Amino acid sequence: MWTRTTEDRLLLWREQREQISTLNKAEAIAEATKYWCQAPIASQYLSADLIKDWPDPWELLQDNCYDDISITLMTVFTLVFARTDCDEFKIKMLVDESGEEFHTAWFADGKYIINYEYGDVVSSDKLPSNMRLKYEYNYTDLKINNYK
């Protein structure tokens, strides 16, 4: 997918959304996570504190440049556009005691967390207690209604 034209990437993304729309929620989250973790990782592309500058999903696909924030975003967009039961989410930028940042998305109040362990879905009870919240964004902050 990643080496294809923008038009092909758009078509493949639509196919992926259609495929996960029939799965149960846990399976859909796991499949979307696996799908976006295949994207080639680039150097830092988006800034966690500049949400107003974040591109929409079609711009991200056109730019075809993916860092940990844009992978989290595209996974969220995939799930929200494919399913009505994934509208309740939070994107949380967490920092551990060593200063490492984690750009995660939380569904079902932390029952499903993506992008903490790359390619896997974990729950909030698996996170270390030393994590500090740096930024938090939701459906409204991302202006998803503008895209649906």
N, C-alpha and C. Protein backbone atom coordinates (compact mmCIF):
# COMPACT_ATOMS: atom_id res chain seq x y z
N MET A 1 0.82 -1.20 0.00
CA MET A 1 0.00 0.00 0.00
C MET A 1 0.86 1.26 0.00
N TRP A 2 1.91 1.25 0.75
CA TRP A 2 2.69 2.47 1.02
C TRP A 2 3.47 2.97 -0.20
N THR A 3 3.74 2.11 -1.15
CA THR A 3 4.48 2.52 -2.34
C THR A 3 3.55 2.81 -3.52
N ARG A 4 2.28 2.69 -3.30
CA ARG A 4 1.29 2.92 -4.36
C ARG A 4 0.99 4.40 -4.52
N THR A 5 0.21 4.72 -5.55
CA THR A 5 -0.21 6.11 -5.78
C THR A 5 -1.20 6.54 -4.69
N THR A 6 -1.40 7.82 -4.56
CA THR A 6 -2.36 8.34 -3.58
C THR A 6 -3.74 7.75 -3.82
N GLU A 7 -4.16 7.69 -5.06
CA GLU A 7 -5.48 7.14 -5.39
C GLU A 7 -5.59 5.68 -4.95
N ASP A 8 -4.56 4.91 -5.19
CA ASP A 8 -4.56 3.50 -4.77
C ASP A 8 -4.59 3.39 -3.24
N ARG A 9 -3.83 4.24 -2.56
CA ARG A 9 -3.83 4.22 -1.09
C ARG A 9 -5.23 4.53 -0.55
N LEU A 10 -5.91 5.48 -1.19
CA LEU A 10 -7.28 5.81 -0.77
C LEU A 10 -8.22 4.62 -0.95
N LEU A 11 -8.12 3.95 -2.08
CA LEU A 11 -8.96 2.78 -2.34
C LEU A 11 -8.66 1.65 -1.36
N LEU A 12 -7.38 1.41 -1.09
CA LEU A 12 -7.01 0.36 -0.15
C LEU A 12 -7.46 0.69 1.27
N TRP A 13 -7.40 1.96 1.63
CA TRP A 13 -7.86 2.37 2.95
C TRP A 13 -9.37 2.14 3.08
N ARG A 14 -10.11 2.46 2.01
CA ARG A 14 -11.57 2.22 2.03
C ARG A 14 -11.85 0.72 2.18
N GLU A 15 -11.11 -0.11 1.46
CA GLU A 15 -11.29 -1.56 1.59
C GLU A 15 -11.02 -2.03 3.01
N GLN A 16 -9.99 -1.47 3.62
CA GLN A 16 -9.66 -1.86 4.99
C GLN A 16 -10.79 -1.48 5.95
N ARG A 17 -11.36 -0.31 5.78
CA ARG A 17 -12.48 0.13 6.63
C ARG A 17 -13.69 -0.79 6.43
N GLU A 18 -13.96 -1.17 5.20
CA GLU A 18 -15.07 -2.08 4.92
C GLU A 18 -14.84 -3.44 5.58
N GLN A 19 -13.61 -3.92 5.54
CA GLN A 19 -13.30 -5.23 6.14
C GLN A 19 -13.50 -5.22 7.65
N ILE A 20 -13.09 -4.17 8.33
CA ILE A 20 -13.21 -4.16 9.79
C ILE A 20 -14.62 -3.81 10.26
N SER A 21 -15.45 -3.30 9.37
CA SER A 21 -16.80 -2.89 9.77
C SER A 21 -17.65 -4.09 10.20
N THR A 22 -17.32 -5.29 9.76
CA THR A 22 -18.11 -6.46 10.11
C THR A 22 -17.55 -7.25 11.30
N LEU A 23 -16.39 -6.87 11.78
CA LEU A 23 -15.78 -7.56 12.92
C LEU A 23 -16.36 -7.04 14.23
N ASN A 24 -16.15 -7.80 15.31
CA ASN A 24 -16.55 -7.22 16.60
C ASN A 24 -15.54 -6.12 16.96
N LYS A 25 -15.86 -5.33 17.94
CA LYS A 25 -15.05 -4.15 18.28
C LYS A 25 -13.60 -4.50 18.59
N ALA A 26 -13.38 -5.50 19.42
CA ALA A 26 -12.01 -5.87 19.79
C ALA A 26 -11.21 -6.31 18.56
N GLU A 27 -11.83 -7.12 17.71
CA GLU A 27 -11.15 -7.58 16.50
C GLU A 27 -10.87 -6.42 15.55
N ALA A 28 -11.82 -5.51 15.42
CA ALA A 28 -11.65 -4.36 14.53
C ALA A 28 -10.49 -3.48 14.99
N ILE A 29 -10.41 -3.24 16.28
CA ILE A 29 -9.33 -2.42 16.83
C ILE A 29 -7.98 -3.11 16.59
N ALA A 30 -7.94 -4.41 16.83
CA ALA A 30 -6.69 -5.16 16.61
C ALA A 30 -6.28 -5.14 15.14
N GLU A 31 -7.22 -5.33 14.24
CA GLU A 31 -6.91 -5.36 12.81
C GLU A 31 -6.46 -3.98 12.30
N ALA A 32 -7.15 -2.93 12.73
CA ALA A 32 -6.75 -1.58 12.31
C ALA A 32 -5.36 -1.25 12.84
N THR A 33 -5.07 -1.67 14.06
CA THR A 33 -3.75 -1.45 14.65
C THR A 33 -2.67 -2.16 13.85
N LYS A 34 -2.90 -3.42 13.52
CA LYS A 34 -1.93 -4.17 12.72
C LYS A 34 -1.71 -3.53 11.36
N TYR A 35 -2.79 -3.11 10.75
CA TYR A 35 -2.73 -2.51 9.42
C TYR A 35 -1.84 -1.27 9.42
N TRP A 36 -2.08 -0.35 10.34
CA TRP A 36 -1.34 0.92 10.35
C TRP A 36 0.08 0.77 10.89
N CYS A 37 0.34 -0.28 11.63
CA CYS A 37 1.71 -0.50 12.09
C CYS A 37 2.60 -1.04 10.99
N GLN A 38 2.04 -1.32 9.84
CA GLN A 38 2.83 -1.73 8.68
C GLN A 38 3.38 -0.52 7.92
N ALA A 39 2.85 0.66 8.23
CA ALA A 39 3.29 1.88 7.53
C ALA A 39 4.77 2.14 7.84
N PRO A 40 5.51 2.59 6.85
CA PRO A 40 6.93 2.90 7.11
C PRO A 40 7.04 4.10 8.05
N ILE A 41 7.87 3.95 9.05
CA ILE A 41 8.04 5.01 10.06
C ILE A 41 8.99 6.08 9.54
N ALA A 42 8.55 7.32 9.66
CA ALA A 42 9.37 8.47 9.27
C ALA A 42 9.82 9.19 10.53
N SER A 43 10.71 10.13 10.37
CA SER A 43 11.08 10.96 11.51
C SER A 43 9.86 11.77 11.93
N GLN A 44 9.97 12.45 13.05
CA GLN A 44 8.80 13.16 13.60
C GLN A 44 8.19 14.07 12.55
N TYR A 45 6.92 13.85 12.27
CA TYR A 45 6.19 14.55 11.22
C TYR A 45 5.18 15.53 11.82
N LEU A 46 4.51 15.10 12.88
CA LEU A 46 3.52 15.94 13.55
C LEU A 46 3.99 16.28 14.95
N SER A 47 3.53 17.41 15.43
CA SER A 47 3.86 17.82 16.79
C SER A 47 2.64 17.60 17.68
N ALA A 48 2.84 16.93 18.80
CA ALA A 48 1.72 16.58 19.69
C ALA A 48 0.96 17.79 20.21
N ASP A 49 1.63 18.90 20.36
CA ASP A 49 0.99 20.07 20.94
C ASP A 49 0.41 21.03 19.89
N LEU A 50 0.53 20.71 18.62
CA LEU A 50 0.02 21.59 17.56
C LEU A 50 -1.10 20.92 16.78
N ILE A 51 -2.15 20.53 17.48
CA ILE A 51 -3.26 19.81 16.87
C ILE A 51 -3.89 20.61 15.74
N LYS A 52 -3.89 21.93 15.84
CA LYS A 52 -4.48 22.76 14.79
C LYS A 52 -3.75 22.60 13.46
N ASP A 53 -2.51 22.13 13.50
CA ASP A 53 -1.72 21.94 12.28
C ASP A 53 -1.78 20.51 11.73
N TRP A 54 -2.48 19.62 12.46
CA TRP A 54 -2.53 18.24 12.00
C TRP A 54 -3.36 18.16 10.72
N PRO A 55 -2.87 17.42 9.73
CA PRO A 55 -3.61 17.26 8.49
C PRO A 55 -4.82 16.33 8.67
N ASP A 56 -5.75 16.42 7.74
CA ASP A 56 -6.88 15.49 7.78
C ASP A 56 -6.40 14.14 7.23
N PRO A 57 -7.24 13.10 7.33
CA PRO A 57 -6.77 11.76 6.92
C PRO A 57 -6.40 11.67 5.44
N TRP A 58 -7.07 12.41 4.59
CA TRP A 58 -6.76 12.36 3.16
C TRP A 58 -5.42 13.04 2.88
N GLU A 59 -5.12 14.09 3.61
CA GLU A 59 -3.81 14.73 3.47
C GLU A 59 -2.70 13.80 3.98
N LEU A 60 -2.97 13.11 5.09
CA LEU A 60 -1.98 12.16 5.60
C LEU A 60 -1.70 11.06 4.58
N LEU A 61 -2.76 10.56 3.95
CA LEU A 61 -2.57 9.54 2.92
C LEU A 61 -1.82 10.10 1.71
N GLN A 62 -2.12 11.31 1.35
CA GLN A 62 -1.42 11.93 0.22
C GLN A 62 0.05 12.16 0.55
N ASP A 63 0.33 12.69 1.74
CA ASP A 63 1.71 12.94 2.15
C ASP A 63 2.49 11.63 2.30
N ASN A 64 1.79 10.58 2.75
CA ASN A 64 2.39 9.25 2.90
C ASN A 64 3.63 9.27 3.78
N CYS A 65 3.54 10.05 4.85
CA CYS A 65 4.63 10.20 5.81
C CYS A 65 4.06 9.91 7.19
N TYR A 66 4.55 8.86 7.85
CA TYR A 66 3.91 8.38 9.07
C TYR A 66 4.91 8.31 10.23
N ASP A 67 4.59 9.06 11.27
CA ASP A 67 5.31 8.93 12.53
C ASP A 67 4.34 8.30 13.53
N ASP A 68 4.75 8.22 14.79
CA ASP A 68 3.87 7.56 15.76
C ASP A 68 2.55 8.30 15.97
N ILE A 69 2.55 9.61 15.85
CA ILE A 69 1.30 10.37 16.01
C ILE A 69 0.39 10.12 14.81
N SER A 70 0.92 10.22 13.60
CA SER A 70 0.07 10.04 12.42
C SER A 70 -0.43 8.60 12.30
N ILE A 71 0.34 7.63 12.75
CA ILE A 71 -0.14 6.24 12.76
C ILE A 71 -1.30 6.10 13.75
N THR A 72 -1.17 6.72 14.91
CA THR A 72 -2.27 6.70 15.87
C THR A 72 -3.49 7.38 15.27
N LEU A 73 -3.30 8.53 14.65
CA LEU A 73 -4.42 9.25 14.03
C LEU A 73 -5.09 8.42 12.94
N MET A 74 -4.31 7.83 12.06
CA MET A 74 -4.91 7.07 10.97
C MET A 74 -5.62 5.82 11.48
N THR A 75 -5.13 5.23 12.54
CA THR A 75 -5.84 4.09 13.14
C THR A 75 -7.18 4.56 13.69
N VAL A 76 -7.17 5.70 14.39
CA VAL A 76 -8.42 6.26 14.92
C VAL A 76 -9.38 6.60 13.79
N PHE A 77 -8.90 7.31 12.76
CA PHE A 77 -9.76 7.65 11.63
C PHE A 77 -10.34 6.39 10.99
N THR A 78 -9.53 5.38 10.83
CA THR A 78 -10.01 4.13 10.23
C THR A 78 -11.16 3.56 11.04
N LEU A 79 -10.98 3.48 12.34
CA LEU A 79 -12.01 2.90 13.20
C LEU A 79 -13.26 3.77 13.27
N VAL A 80 -13.10 5.07 13.41
CA VAL A 80 -14.25 5.97 13.52
C VAL A 80 -15.05 6.01 12.22
N PHE A 81 -14.37 5.99 11.09
CA PHE A 81 -15.08 6.02 9.81
C PHE A 81 -15.74 4.68 9.48
N ALA A 82 -15.23 3.59 10.03
CA ALA A 82 -15.76 2.26 9.73
C ALA A 82 -16.85 1.81 10.68
N ARG A 83 -16.87 2.37 11.90
CA ARG A 83 -17.74 1.82 12.95
C ARG A 83 -18.34 2.93 13.81
N THR A 84 -19.59 2.76 14.18
CA THR A 84 -20.22 3.73 15.08
C THR A 84 -19.84 3.48 16.54
N ASP A 85 -19.35 2.29 16.87
CA ASP A 85 -19.01 1.99 18.26
C ASP A 85 -17.59 2.42 18.63
N CYS A 86 -16.92 3.16 17.75
CA CYS A 86 -15.56 3.62 18.04
C CYS A 86 -15.47 5.15 18.10
N ASP A 87 -16.62 5.82 18.19
CA ASP A 87 -16.63 7.28 18.26
C ASP A 87 -16.14 7.81 19.61
N GLU A 88 -16.25 7.00 20.64
CA GLU A 88 -15.81 7.41 21.97
C GLU A 88 -14.36 7.00 22.16
N PHE A 89 -13.46 7.94 21.99
CA PHE A 89 -12.04 7.65 22.14
C PHE A 89 -11.35 8.89 22.68
N LYS A 90 -10.14 8.69 23.13
CA LYS A 90 -9.26 9.79 23.53
C LYS A 90 -7.87 9.48 22.99
N ILE A 91 -7.26 10.48 22.41
CA ILE A 91 -5.85 10.37 22.05
C ILE A 91 -5.08 10.97 23.22
N LYS A 92 -4.21 10.16 23.81
CA LYS A 92 -3.46 10.59 24.98
C LYS A 92 -1.97 10.51 24.70
N MET A 93 -1.31 11.63 24.94
CA MET A 93 0.14 11.66 24.86
C MET A 93 0.64 11.48 26.29
N LEU A 94 1.31 10.36 26.53
CA LEU A 94 1.78 10.00 27.86
C LEU A 94 3.29 10.07 27.91
N VAL A 95 3.82 10.33 29.09
CA VAL A 95 5.26 10.38 29.30
C VAL A 95 5.58 9.50 30.51
N ASP A 96 6.60 8.64 30.37
CA ASP A 96 7.00 7.84 31.52
C ASP A 96 8.10 8.57 32.30
N GLU A 97 8.57 7.98 33.38
CA GLU A 97 9.54 8.65 34.25
C GLU A 97 10.88 8.92 33.58
N SER A 98 11.19 8.17 32.52
CA SER A 98 12.45 8.41 31.80
C SER A 98 12.31 9.50 30.74
N GLY A 99 11.08 9.98 30.53
CA GLY A 99 10.84 11.02 29.53
C GLY A 99 10.38 10.49 28.18
N GLU A 100 10.28 9.17 28.04
CA GLU A 100 9.81 8.60 26.78
C GLU A 100 8.33 8.93 26.59
N GLU A 101 7.98 9.36 25.37
CA GLU A 101 6.60 9.72 25.06
C GLU A 101 5.91 8.59 24.32
N PHE A 102 4.62 8.44 24.62
CA PHE A 102 3.78 7.45 23.97
C PHE A 102 2.55 8.16 23.44
N HIS A 103 2.33 8.06 22.15
CA HIS A 103 1.19 8.71 21.50
C HIS A 103 0.13 7.64 21.25
N THR A 104 -0.81 7.54 22.18
CA THR A 104 -1.76 6.44 22.22
C THR A 104 -3.18 6.90 21.92
N ALA A 105 -4.03 5.93 21.61
CA ALA A 105 -5.47 6.18 21.51
C ALA A 105 -6.17 5.18 22.42
N TRP A 106 -7.14 5.68 23.18
CA TRP A 106 -7.88 4.88 24.14
C TRP A 106 -9.32 4.75 23.68
N PHE A 107 -9.80 3.53 23.63
CA PHE A 107 -11.20 3.25 23.32
C PHE A 107 -11.82 2.56 24.53
N ALA A 108 -13.12 2.77 24.71
CA ALA A 108 -13.87 2.13 25.81
C ALA A 108 -13.18 2.40 27.16
N ASP A 109 -12.86 3.66 27.40
CA ASP A 109 -12.25 4.09 28.68
C ASP A 109 -10.99 3.31 29.05
N GLY A 110 -10.19 3.00 28.06
CA GLY A 110 -8.91 2.33 28.33
C GLY A 110 -8.95 0.82 28.26
N LYS A 111 -10.10 0.26 27.88
CA LYS A 111 -10.15 -1.20 27.70
C LYS A 111 -9.27 -1.60 26.52
N TYR A 112 -9.23 -0.73 25.51
CA TYR A 112 -8.40 -0.96 24.33
C TYR A 112 -7.51 0.26 24.11
N ILE A 113 -6.20 0.08 24.23
CA ILE A 113 -5.25 1.16 24.01
C ILE A 113 -4.33 0.74 22.87
N ILE A 114 -4.23 1.62 21.88
CA ILE A 114 -3.35 1.34 20.74
C ILE A 114 -2.14 2.25 20.79
N ASN A 115 -1.06 1.75 20.21
CA ASN A 115 0.20 2.47 20.03
C ASN A 115 0.97 2.70 21.33
N TYR A 116 0.67 1.93 22.36
CA TYR A 116 1.55 1.93 23.53
C TYR A 116 2.63 0.87 23.29
N GLU A 117 2.19 -0.33 22.98
CA GLU A 117 3.10 -1.39 22.52
C GLU A 117 2.85 -1.51 21.03
N TYR A 118 3.84 -1.19 20.25
CA TYR A 118 3.69 -1.08 18.80
C TYR A 118 3.08 -2.33 18.19
N GLY A 119 1.95 -2.15 17.52
CA GLY A 119 1.28 -3.25 16.84
C GLY A 119 0.34 -4.06 17.70
N ASP A 120 0.29 -3.79 18.99
CA ASP A 120 -0.57 -4.54 19.91
C ASP A 120 -1.61 -3.62 20.54
N VAL A 121 -2.64 -4.24 21.06
CA VAL A 121 -3.68 -3.54 21.80
C VAL A 121 -3.53 -3.98 23.26
N VAL A 122 -3.47 -3.02 24.16
CA VAL A 122 -3.36 -3.31 25.59
C VAL A 122 -4.50 -2.61 26.32
N SER A 123 -4.65 -2.90 27.59
CA SER A 123 -5.64 -2.21 28.41
C SER A 123 -4.92 -1.35 29.45
N SER A 124 -5.65 -0.42 30.02
CA SER A 124 -5.04 0.55 30.94
C SER A 124 -4.41 -0.12 32.16
N ASP A 125 -4.90 -1.27 32.56
CA ASP A 125 -4.29 -1.94 33.72
C ASP A 125 -2.91 -2.50 33.41
N LYS A 126 -2.50 -2.50 32.14
CA LYS A 126 -1.16 -2.96 31.75
C LYS A 126 -0.14 -1.82 31.72
N LEU A 127 -0.60 -0.58 31.87
CA LEU A 127 0.32 0.55 31.83
C LEU A 127 1.00 0.74 33.18
N PRO A 128 2.25 1.16 33.18
CA PRO A 128 2.93 1.43 34.45
C PRO A 128 2.27 2.60 35.17
N SER A 129 2.36 2.60 36.46
CA SER A 129 1.71 3.66 37.25
C SER A 129 2.44 4.99 37.16
N ASN A 130 3.64 5.00 36.61
CA ASN A 130 4.43 6.23 36.54
C ASN A 130 4.14 7.08 35.30
N MET A 131 3.14 6.71 34.53
CA MET A 131 2.81 7.46 33.31
C MET A 131 2.13 8.78 33.67
N ARG A 132 2.57 9.83 32.97
CA ARG A 132 2.00 11.16 33.19
C ARG A 132 1.34 11.61 31.90
N LEU A 133 0.15 12.20 32.02
CA LEU A 133 -0.58 12.70 30.86
C LEU A 133 -0.02 14.05 30.44
N LYS A 134 0.35 14.16 29.17
CA LYS A 134 0.89 15.41 28.65
C LYS A 134 -0.16 16.16 27.82
N TYR A 135 -0.83 15.46 26.92
CA TYR A 135 -1.90 16.03 26.10
C TYR A 135 -3.01 15.01 25.96
N GLU A 136 -4.24 15.52 25.77
CA GLU A 136 -5.37 14.64 25.54
C GLU A 136 -6.32 15.31 24.55
N TYR A 137 -6.73 14.54 23.54
CA TYR A 137 -7.64 15.05 22.52
C TYR A 137 -8.77 14.04 22.32
N ASN A 138 -9.93 14.54 21.86
CA ASN A 138 -11.06 13.65 21.62
C ASN A 138 -11.67 13.90 20.24
N TYR A 139 -12.80 13.30 20.01
CA TYR A 139 -13.53 13.38 18.74
C TYR A 139 -13.75 14.83 18.32
N THR A 140 -14.22 15.64 19.25
CA THR A 140 -14.49 17.05 18.96
C THR A 140 -13.21 17.81 18.66
N ASP A 141 -12.16 17.58 19.43
CA ASP A 141 -10.87 18.25 19.20
C ASP A 141 -10.33 17.97 17.80
N LEU A 142 -10.53 16.74 17.32
CA LEU A 142 -10.04 16.37 15.99
C LEU A 142 -10.98 16.83 14.87
N LYS A 143 -12.14 17.38 15.26
CA LYS A 143 -13.13 17.88 14.28
C LYS A 143 -13.54 16.81 13.29
N ILE A 144 -13.77 15.62 13.80
CA ILE A 144 -14.09 14.48 12.94
C ILE A 144 -15.40 14.69 12.20
N ASN A 145 -16.35 15.40 12.81
CA ASN A 145 -17.61 15.66 12.11
C ASN A 145 -17.39 16.39 10.79
N ASN A 146 -16.31 17.14 10.69
CA ASN A 146 -16.01 17.83 9.43
C ASN A 146 -15.64 16.87 8.31
N TYR A 147 -15.23 15.65 8.68
CA TYR A 147 -14.74 14.69 7.70
C TYR A 147 -15.76 13.62 7.35
N LYS A 148 -16.77 13.43 8.20
CA LYS A 148 -17.74 12.35 7.97
C LYS A 148 -18.80 12.77 7.00
